[in-house]
Amino acid sequence: MILRNIKKSFGKKSVLSSFSLSVRKGERISLYGESGEGKTTVLDIMLGLIKPDEGEIDLEGDTLSAVFQEDRLIENISVINNLILVTEDRNKALIMLSSLGLEGEENSRTESLSGGMKRRLSIARALLYPSSILLLDEPFTGLDEENKKKCASLILNSSSDRAIVLVTHSKEDEVLLKIERRVSISNC
C-alpha cells in the first residue's frame, strides 16, 4: 500500500499537509506524533473511512483489518457472532477466544463484557479477518500487563506475512510488537 502526498484539513485546521507512506509485506511500522497531529486520520484514510483532500492512495491489492481506538463491536449480539462476521470458521473463532482468555464467553452478549474483554474481542476480530495489513490504533488501551503481552504475542504469531501499522503513545507497545520502522506524523 502506498500513500502519496496526502493532504487533509478539517475546516481551517490542516492535519496532514504532505504525508507519504509505503507499507511493504510483513513490515512493522509505528506512526508517532503529538496528540491531534493526524495519526488516526492516516489510518482512517487508509481504511477509506475518510477521503483525503489531495493525494493518491494505491492499495496494490492489499486488504486491511483494524483495531480502532474505540471498540467498534456490535453490542447487542453475542461474542461469537461478532467474530462470525469476519470468519465462517467457528472453531477458529473459538480457538482465538481461548487464546485471549475469553473461553466460555462465546455466547455472552457483547454489551455485558468488561472494557478489557471488549478490547481483546476487537483484537480477535481484526486478526480473524483475512487481511494483508493490520492497522492498530492504541490497541492495548484498557489492558493489564498480562493481557497486553498475551495480545501482542498473538498479534505477532498471527501476522507473520501481514504488515502492521501501529499508532501508539507507548514505546513499550512498540517493543512488544517488534516495530521495525517509526514514521513521524509531525509537520506532514
Protein backbone atom coordinates (compact mmCIF):
# COMPACT_ATOMS: atom_id res chain seq x y z
CA MET A 1 0.00 0.00 0.00
CA ILE A 2 1.27 3.43 -0.88
CA LEU A 3 0.05 6.86 0.24
CA ARG A 4 1.48 9.79 -1.74
CA ASN A 5 1.33 13.45 -0.72
CA ILE A 6 -1.81 13.10 1.36
CA LYS A 7 -3.41 16.36 2.46
CA LYS A 8 -6.31 16.60 4.88
CA SER A 9 -7.93 19.52 6.67
CA PHE A 10 -10.89 19.73 8.99
CA GLY A 11 -12.35 23.18 8.50
CA LYS A 12 -9.44 25.60 8.65
CA LYS A 13 -7.22 23.19 10.61
CA SER A 14 -4.68 21.42 8.40
CA VAL A 15 -3.96 17.98 9.85
CA LEU A 16 -1.86 16.48 7.05
CA SER A 17 -0.12 18.71 4.53
CA SER A 18 2.02 16.26 2.53
CA PHE A 19 2.11 12.82 4.11
CA SER A 20 3.54 9.83 2.24
CA LEU A 21 3.92 6.24 3.40
CA SER A 22 4.79 2.93 1.78
CA VAL A 23 3.84 -0.29 3.59
CA ARG A 24 5.57 -3.49 2.48
CA LYS A 25 4.58 -7.09 3.14
CA GLY A 26 5.37 -8.20 6.68
CA GLU A 27 6.72 -4.79 7.73
CA ARG A 28 6.01 -3.43 11.23
CA ILE A 29 5.60 0.36 11.33
CA SER A 30 4.74 2.80 14.10
CA LEU A 31 3.19 6.20 13.38
CA TYR A 32 4.11 8.72 16.05
CA GLY A 33 3.45 12.35 16.83
CA GLU A 34 1.69 14.60 19.28
CA SER A 35 -1.99 14.25 20.03
CA GLY A 36 -4.12 15.76 17.25
CA GLU A 37 -1.38 15.62 14.60
CA GLY A 38 -3.22 13.15 12.36
CA LYS A 39 -2.15 9.62 13.27
CA THR A 40 -5.71 8.29 13.49
CA THR A 41 -6.63 10.35 10.42
CA VAL A 42 -3.95 8.48 8.43
CA LEU A 43 -5.47 5.14 9.46
CA ASP A 44 -8.98 6.36 8.60
CA ILE A 45 -7.74 7.45 5.16
CA MET A 46 -6.02 4.08 4.65
CA LEU A 47 -9.30 2.34 5.51
CA GLY A 48 -11.32 4.60 3.20
CA LEU A 49 -13.39 5.92 6.11
CA ILE A 50 -12.49 9.48 5.21
CA LYS A 51 -11.23 10.90 1.93
CA PRO A 52 -8.07 12.97 1.67
CA ASP A 53 -8.40 16.47 0.26
CA GLU A 54 -5.49 15.71 -2.07
CA GLY A 55 -3.06 12.90 -2.74
CA GLU A 56 -3.07 9.34 -4.01
CA ILE A 57 -3.76 6.02 -2.34
CA ASP A 58 -2.69 2.80 -4.05
CA LEU A 59 -3.87 -0.34 -2.27
CA GLU A 60 -1.74 -2.52 -4.56
CA GLY A 61 -4.18 -5.37 -3.89
CA ASP A 62 -3.78 -5.14 -0.12
CA THR A 63 -6.68 -5.84 2.23
CA LEU A 64 -6.97 -4.16 5.62
CA SER A 65 -8.26 -5.02 9.07
CA ALA A 66 -8.20 -2.75 12.09
CA VAL A 67 -8.38 -2.36 15.83
CA PHE A 68 -9.77 1.14 16.34
CA GLN A 69 -9.15 3.49 19.28
CA GLU A 70 -12.67 2.73 20.45
CA ASP A 71 -14.16 -0.75 20.29
CA ARG A 72 -16.39 -0.95 17.23
CA LEU A 73 -18.24 -4.09 18.18
CA ILE A 74 -21.91 -4.89 17.75
CA GLU A 75 -23.04 -4.70 21.36
CA ASN A 76 -26.42 -6.43 21.08
CA ILE A 77 -25.14 -9.71 19.61
CA SER A 78 -23.06 -12.48 21.12
CA VAL A 79 -19.29 -12.52 21.32
CA ILE A 80 -19.06 -15.40 18.83
CA ASN A 81 -21.36 -13.63 16.36
CA ASN A 82 -19.04 -10.60 16.39
CA LEU A 83 -16.32 -12.96 15.16
CA ILE A 84 -18.52 -14.89 12.71
CA LEU A 85 -18.95 -11.56 10.89
CA VAL A 86 -15.36 -11.93 9.63
CA THR A 87 -14.85 -15.71 9.55
CA GLU A 88 -17.22 -18.57 8.94
CA ASP A 89 -14.85 -20.91 10.79
CA ARG A 90 -16.47 -21.19 14.23
CA ASN A 91 -13.69 -23.44 15.54
CA LYS A 92 -11.04 -20.91 14.53
CA ALA A 93 -13.05 -18.20 16.32
CA LEU A 94 -13.32 -20.33 19.47
CA ILE A 95 -9.57 -21.00 19.44
CA MET A 96 -8.92 -17.26 19.12
CA LEU A 97 -11.24 -16.54 22.07
CA SER A 98 -9.43 -19.14 24.16
CA SER A 99 -6.03 -17.69 23.20
CA LEU A 100 -7.17 -14.33 24.56
CA GLY A 101 -8.67 -15.66 27.79
CA LEU A 102 -12.26 -15.32 26.61
CA GLU A 103 -13.21 -19.00 26.61
CA GLY A 104 -16.68 -19.55 28.00
CA GLU A 105 -17.80 -16.08 26.87
CA GLU A 106 -18.75 -17.02 23.30
CA ASN A 107 -22.50 -16.91 23.98
CA SER A 108 -22.38 -13.80 26.19
CA ARG A 109 -23.83 -10.60 24.79
CA THR A 110 -21.02 -8.27 23.88
CA GLU A 111 -22.52 -5.42 25.92
CA SER A 112 -22.02 -7.48 29.10
CA LEU A 113 -18.23 -7.67 28.70
CA SER A 114 -15.78 -5.51 30.61
CA GLY A 115 -13.74 -2.90 28.74
CA GLY A 116 -10.65 -5.10 28.67
CA MET A 117 -12.64 -8.07 27.39
CA LYS A 118 -14.14 -5.93 24.61
CA ARG A 119 -10.65 -4.76 23.66
CA ARG A 120 -9.46 -8.38 23.37
CA LEU A 121 -12.55 -9.23 21.30
CA SER A 122 -11.74 -6.32 18.97
CA ILE A 123 -8.21 -7.66 18.53
CA ALA A 124 -9.56 -11.18 17.87
CA ARG A 125 -11.92 -9.89 15.19
CA ALA A 126 -9.18 -7.93 13.43
CA LEU A 127 -6.86 -10.96 13.48
CA LEU A 128 -9.52 -13.31 12.12
CA TYR A 129 -10.22 -11.10 9.11
CA PRO A 130 -8.02 -12.25 6.20
CA SER A 131 -6.00 -9.09 5.61
CA SER A 132 -2.52 -8.28 4.39
CA ILE A 133 -2.22 -5.16 6.57
CA LEU A 134 -3.29 -4.88 10.22
CA LEU A 135 -3.95 -1.34 11.47
CA LEU A 136 -3.73 -0.90 15.24
CA ASP A 137 -4.83 2.36 16.87
CA GLU A 138 -3.83 2.28 20.55
CA PRO A 139 -4.65 -1.47 20.60
CA PHE A 140 -3.77 -2.15 24.23
CA THR A 141 -5.88 0.58 25.85
CA GLY A 142 -7.55 -0.76 28.98
CA LEU A 143 -5.50 -3.96 29.16
CA ASP A 144 -3.43 -5.04 32.14
CA GLU A 145 0.20 -6.05 31.58
CA GLU A 146 -0.53 -9.79 31.34
CA ASN A 147 -3.26 -9.35 28.72
CA LYS A 148 -1.21 -6.75 26.85
CA LYS A 149 1.66 -9.25 26.49
CA LYS A 150 -0.74 -12.06 25.56
CA CYS A 151 -2.37 -9.91 22.86
CA ALA A 152 0.98 -8.69 21.49
CA SER A 153 2.24 -12.26 21.23
CA LEU A 154 -0.93 -13.38 19.44
CA ILE A 155 -0.75 -10.41 17.05
CA LEU A 156 2.85 -11.28 16.13
CA ASN A 157 2.13 -15.01 15.79
CA SER A 158 -0.92 -14.32 13.61
CA SER A 159 0.82 -11.74 11.45
CA SER A 160 3.99 -13.30 10.08
CA ASP A 161 3.13 -12.29 6.49
CA ARG A 162 0.90 -9.39 7.46
CA ALA A 163 2.17 -5.82 7.73
CA ILE A 164 1.39 -3.98 10.96
CA VAL A 165 0.81 -0.23 11.21
CA LEU A 166 0.64 0.86 14.85
CA VAL A 167 -0.49 4.15 16.36
CA THR A 168 0.56 4.46 20.00
CA HIS A 169 1.99 6.84 22.56
CA SER A 170 3.79 3.93 24.24
CA LYS A 171 7.35 2.90 23.43
CA GLU A 172 6.57 -0.30 25.35
CA ASP A 173 3.85 -1.16 22.79
CA GLU A 174 6.40 -0.64 20.00
CA VAL A 175 8.80 -3.03 21.73
CA LEU A 176 6.07 -5.64 22.35
CA LEU A 177 5.10 -5.57 18.66
CA LYS A 178 8.74 -5.53 17.47
CA ILE A 179 8.30 -2.35 15.45
CA GLU A 180 10.99 -2.00 12.78
CA ARG A 181 10.29 1.49 11.45
CA ARG A 182 8.97 4.63 13.14
CA VAL A 183 7.30 7.26 10.94
CA SER A 184 6.73 10.77 12.25
CA ILE A 185 3.42 12.50 11.53
CA SER A 186 4.76 15.84 12.80
CA ASN A 187 4.95 18.58 10.18
CA CYS A 188 3.45 16.36 7.46
